[in-house]
Amino acid sequence: MLVTRGVTAIAFTFAVAVGPVRSAPPERPLWLTDAALTQLRSIGIAPESDLAVRGNYHWRWVSRRILVVDHFHCPAGSSVDVSRSITVIGAPPGSVCRDARGPEAAFLKLHSDGSAEPLP
């Protein structure tokens, strides 16, 4: 009985002193490259604070400010989805990304060179 109390007391003291065991945050997948993160920063996304979804095959960020994508301007609240094969920018519901030359688009495909094109 005395030994059991001693072991329990040691375990309790260790748990309180060390704290709970926390797992490391999930690592960035290999398909999410440094170049992709740099591109996100260049259009106005803060990769660390705007991250909304970490999926197996895509990650989503939601902007806190206006995004400037090629010659388009997308309102705050726009989402940026990065997957293995495509980066898509979506305007918030009820709004659009506006092009300085006139056209508007609800969704844009972002290319690796920084250019963007409207998606149907």
C-alpha atoms as a PDB file:
ATOM      1  CA  MET A   1       0.000   0.000   0.000  1.00  0.00           C
ATOM      2  CA  LEU A   2       2.804   2.405   0.926  1.00  0.00           C
ATOM      3  CA  VAL A   3       4.674   1.570  -2.292  1.00  0.00           C
ATOM      4  CA  THR A   4       1.545   2.193  -4.386  1.00  0.00           C
ATOM      5  CA  ARG A   5       1.048   5.612  -2.811  1.00  0.00           C
ATOM      6  CA  GLY A   6       4.684   6.484  -3.433  1.00  0.00           C
ATOM      7  CA  VAL A   7       4.514   5.508  -7.085  1.00  0.00           C
ATOM      8  CA  THR A   8       1.255   7.416  -7.509  1.00  0.00           C
ATOM      9  CA  ALA A   9       2.741  10.476  -5.853  1.00  0.00           C
ATOM     10  CA  ILE A  10       5.823  10.335  -8.089  1.00  0.00           C
ATOM     11  CA  ALA A  11       3.680   9.957 -11.213  1.00  0.00           C
ATOM     12  CA  PHE A  12       1.452  12.871 -10.142  1.00  0.00           C
ATOM     13  CA  THR A  13       4.471  15.070  -9.380  1.00  0.00           C
ATOM     14  CA  PHE A  14       6.037  14.208 -12.746  1.00  0.00           C
ATOM     15  CA  ALA A  15       2.810  14.933 -14.645  1.00  0.00           C
ATOM     16  CA  VAL A  16       2.358  18.300 -12.924  1.00  0.00           C
ATOM     17  CA  ALA A  17       6.002  19.336 -13.304  1.00  0.00           C
ATOM     18  CA  VAL A  18       6.402  18.242 -16.923  1.00  0.00           C
ATOM     19  CA  GLY A  19       2.872  18.923 -18.124  1.00  0.00           C
ATOM     20  CA  PRO A  20       0.876  17.045 -20.688  1.00  0.00           C
ATOM     21  CA  VAL A  21       2.647  15.415 -23.576  1.00  0.00           C
ATOM     22  CA  ARG A  22       1.888  17.379 -26.721  1.00  0.00           C
ATOM     23  CA  SER A  23       2.401  16.097 -30.213  1.00  0.00           C
ATOM     24  CA  ALA A  24       4.282  18.184 -32.728  1.00  0.00           C
ATOM     25  CA  PRO A  25       2.166  20.148 -35.219  1.00  0.00           C
ATOM     26  CA  PRO A  26       1.594  18.321 -38.504  1.00  0.00           C
ATOM     27  CA  GLU A  27       4.428  18.824 -40.900  1.00  0.00           C
ATOM     28  CA  ARG A  28       4.014  20.596 -44.190  1.00  0.00           C
ATOM     29  CA  PRO A  29       3.423  18.099 -47.021  1.00  0.00           C
ATOM     30  CA  LEU A  30       6.113  17.731 -49.659  1.00  0.00           C
ATOM     31  CA  TRP A  31       3.870  19.169 -52.381  1.00  0.00           C
ATOM     32  CA  LEU A  32       3.567  22.472 -50.462  1.00  0.00           C
ATOM     33  CA  THR A  33       6.915  23.944 -51.470  1.00  0.00           C
ATOM     34  CA  ASP A  34       8.789  27.008 -50.283  1.00  0.00           C
ATOM     35  CA  ALA A  35       8.082  28.548 -53.699  1.00  0.00           C
ATOM     36  CA  ALA A  36       4.326  28.064 -53.155  1.00  0.00           C
ATOM     37  CA  LEU A  37       4.527  29.746 -49.737  1.00  0.00           C
ATOM     38  CA  THR A  38       6.542  32.620 -51.211  1.00  0.00           C
ATOM     39  CA  GLN A  39       3.900  33.017 -53.906  1.00  0.00           C
ATOM     40  CA  LEU A  40       1.167  33.131 -51.244  1.00  0.00           C
ATOM     41  CA  ARG A  41       3.023  35.897 -49.428  1.00  0.00           C
ATOM     42  CA  SER A  42       3.448  37.846 -52.670  1.00  0.00           C
ATOM     43  CA  ILE A  43      -0.324  38.021 -53.265  1.00  0.00           C
ATOM     44  CA  GLY A  44      -1.139  39.030 -49.686  1.00  0.00           C
ATOM     45  CA  ILE A  45      -1.645  35.782 -47.749  1.00  0.00           C
ATOM     46  CA  ALA A  46       0.067  35.363 -44.371  1.00  0.00           C
ATOM     47  CA  PRO A  47       0.729  31.593 -44.490  1.00  0.00           C
ATOM     48  CA  GLU A  48       1.038  31.210 -40.721  1.00  0.00           C
ATOM     49  CA  SER A  49      -1.996  33.207 -39.595  1.00  0.00           C
ATOM     50  CA  ASP A  50      -4.413  32.891 -42.547  1.00  0.00           C
ATOM     51  CA  LEU A  51      -4.337  29.070 -42.662  1.00  0.00           C
ATOM     52  CA  ALA A  52      -7.871  27.717 -42.299  1.00  0.00           C
ATOM     53  CA  VAL A  53      -7.789  24.063 -43.454  1.00  0.00           C
ATOM     54  CA  ARG A  54      -5.041  21.444 -43.518  1.00  0.00           C
ATOM     55  CA  GLY A  55      -6.336  18.626 -45.677  1.00  0.00           C
ATOM     56  CA  ASN A  56      -4.543  15.551 -46.946  1.00  0.00           C
ATOM     57  CA  TYR A  57      -4.538  16.778 -50.510  1.00  0.00           C
ATOM     58  CA  HIS A  58      -5.037  20.537 -50.219  1.00  0.00           C
ATOM     59  CA  TRP A  59      -4.553  23.373 -47.754  1.00  0.00           C
ATOM     60  CA  ARG A  60      -6.797  26.450 -47.630  1.00  0.00           C
ATOM     61  CA  TRP A  61      -6.021  29.967 -46.507  1.00  0.00           C
ATOM     62  CA  VAL A  62      -8.588  32.736 -46.006  1.00  0.00           C
ATOM     63  CA  SER A  63      -7.265  36.265 -46.532  1.00  0.00           C
ATOM     64  CA  ARG A  64      -7.649  39.006 -43.974  1.00  0.00           C
ATOM     65  CA  ARG A  65      -6.946  41.708 -46.533  1.00  0.00           C
ATOM     66  CA  ILE A  66      -7.336  42.413 -50.242  1.00  0.00           C
ATOM     67  CA  LEU A  67      -5.349  40.052 -52.453  1.00  0.00           C
ATOM     68  CA  VAL A  68      -3.508  41.343 -55.503  1.00  0.00           C
ATOM     69  CA  VAL A  69      -3.222  38.515 -58.010  1.00  0.00           C
ATOM     70  CA  ASP A  70      -1.658  39.459 -61.331  1.00  0.00           C
ATOM     71  CA  HIS A  71      -3.995  42.268 -62.504  1.00  0.00           C
ATOM     72  CA  PHE A  72      -6.929  41.089 -60.341  1.00  0.00           C
ATOM     73  CA  HIS A  73      -7.939  42.417 -56.926  1.00  0.00           C
ATOM     74  CA  CYS A  74      -9.827  39.988 -54.685  1.00  0.00           C
ATOM     75  CA  PRO A  75     -11.645  41.187 -51.540  1.00  0.00           C
ATOM     76  CA  ALA A  76     -10.702  40.304 -47.984  1.00  0.00           C
ATOM     77  CA  GLY A  77     -12.194  36.946 -47.080  1.00  0.00           C
ATOM     78  CA  SER A  78     -11.093  35.365 -50.360  1.00  0.00           C
ATOM     79  CA  SER A  79      -9.873  31.790 -50.096  1.00  0.00           C
ATOM     80  CA  VAL A  80      -6.716  30.350 -51.601  1.00  0.00           C
ATOM     81  CA  ASP A  81      -6.626  26.574 -52.069  1.00  0.00           C
ATOM     82  CA  VAL A  82      -3.274  24.967 -52.814  1.00  0.00           C
ATOM     83  CA  SER A  83      -3.153  21.327 -53.868  1.00  0.00           C
ATOM     84  CA  ARG A  84      -0.673  19.096 -55.607  1.00  0.00           C
ATOM     85  CA  SER A  85      -1.701  20.259 -59.060  1.00  0.00           C
ATOM     86  CA  ILE A  86      -3.493  23.621 -58.874  1.00  0.00           C
ATOM     87  CA  THR A  87      -3.803  26.842 -56.878  1.00  0.00           C
ATOM     88  CA  VAL A  88      -7.307  28.330 -56.929  1.00  0.00           C
ATOM     89  CA  ILE A  89      -8.383  31.672 -55.523  1.00  0.00           C
ATOM     90  CA  GLY A  90     -12.062  32.107 -54.738  1.00  0.00           C
ATOM     91  CA  ALA A  91     -13.827  35.339 -53.918  1.00  0.00           C
ATOM     92  CA  PRO A  92     -16.141  35.262 -50.888  1.00  0.00           C
ATOM     93  CA  PRO A  93     -19.795  34.404 -51.612  1.00  0.00           C
ATOM     94  CA  GLY A  94     -21.583  37.301 -53.293  1.00  0.00           C
ATOM     95  CA  SER A  95     -18.416  39.043 -54.491  1.00  0.00           C
ATOM     96  CA  VAL A  96     -15.877  38.743 -57.299  1.00  0.00           C
ATOM     97  CA  CYS A  97     -12.240  39.359 -58.070  1.00  0.00           C
ATOM     98  CA  ARG A  98     -12.018  42.444 -60.262  1.00  0.00           C
ATOM     99  CA  ASP A  99      -9.634  42.869 -63.152  1.00  0.00           C
ATOM    100  CA  ALA A 100      -8.122  46.307 -63.768  1.00  0.00           C
ATOM    101  CA  ARG A 101      -8.939  45.765 -67.460  1.00  0.00           C
ATOM    102  CA  GLY A 102     -12.638  45.097 -66.883  1.00  0.00           C
ATOM    103  CA  PRO A 103     -13.535  41.395 -66.509  1.00  0.00           C
ATOM    104  CA  GLU A 104     -14.609  39.919 -63.192  1.00  0.00           C
ATOM    105  CA  ALA A 105     -14.263  36.358 -61.915  1.00  0.00           C
ATOM    106  CA  ALA A 106     -15.469  34.412 -58.903  1.00  0.00           C
ATOM    107  CA  PHE A 107     -12.525  31.984 -59.198  1.00  0.00           C
ATOM    108  CA  LEU A 108      -8.987  32.371 -60.496  1.00  0.00           C
ATOM    109  CA  LYS A 109      -6.326  29.835 -61.334  1.00  0.00           C
ATOM    110  CA  LEU A 110      -2.919  31.027 -60.120  1.00  0.00           C
ATOM    111  CA  HIS A 111       0.051  29.915 -62.207  1.00  0.00           C
ATOM    112  CA  SER A 112       3.563  29.346 -60.876  1.00  0.00           C
ATOM    113  CA  ASP A 113       4.829  32.457 -62.703  1.00  0.00           C
ATOM    114  CA  GLY A 114       2.347  34.664 -60.772  1.00  0.00           C
ATOM    115  CA  SER A 115      -0.107  35.123 -63.615  1.00  0.00           C
ATOM    116  CA  ALA A 116      -3.785  34.327 -63.109  1.00  0.00           C
ATOM    117  CA  GLU A 117      -6.692  33.380 -65.324  1.00  0.00           C
ATOM    118  CA  PRO A 118     -10.433  33.255 -64.596  1.00  0.00           C
ATOM    119  CA  LEU A 119     -11.960  29.829 -64.121  1.00  0.00           C
ATOM    120  CA  PRO A 120     -15.399  29.154 -65.611  1.00  0.00           C
END
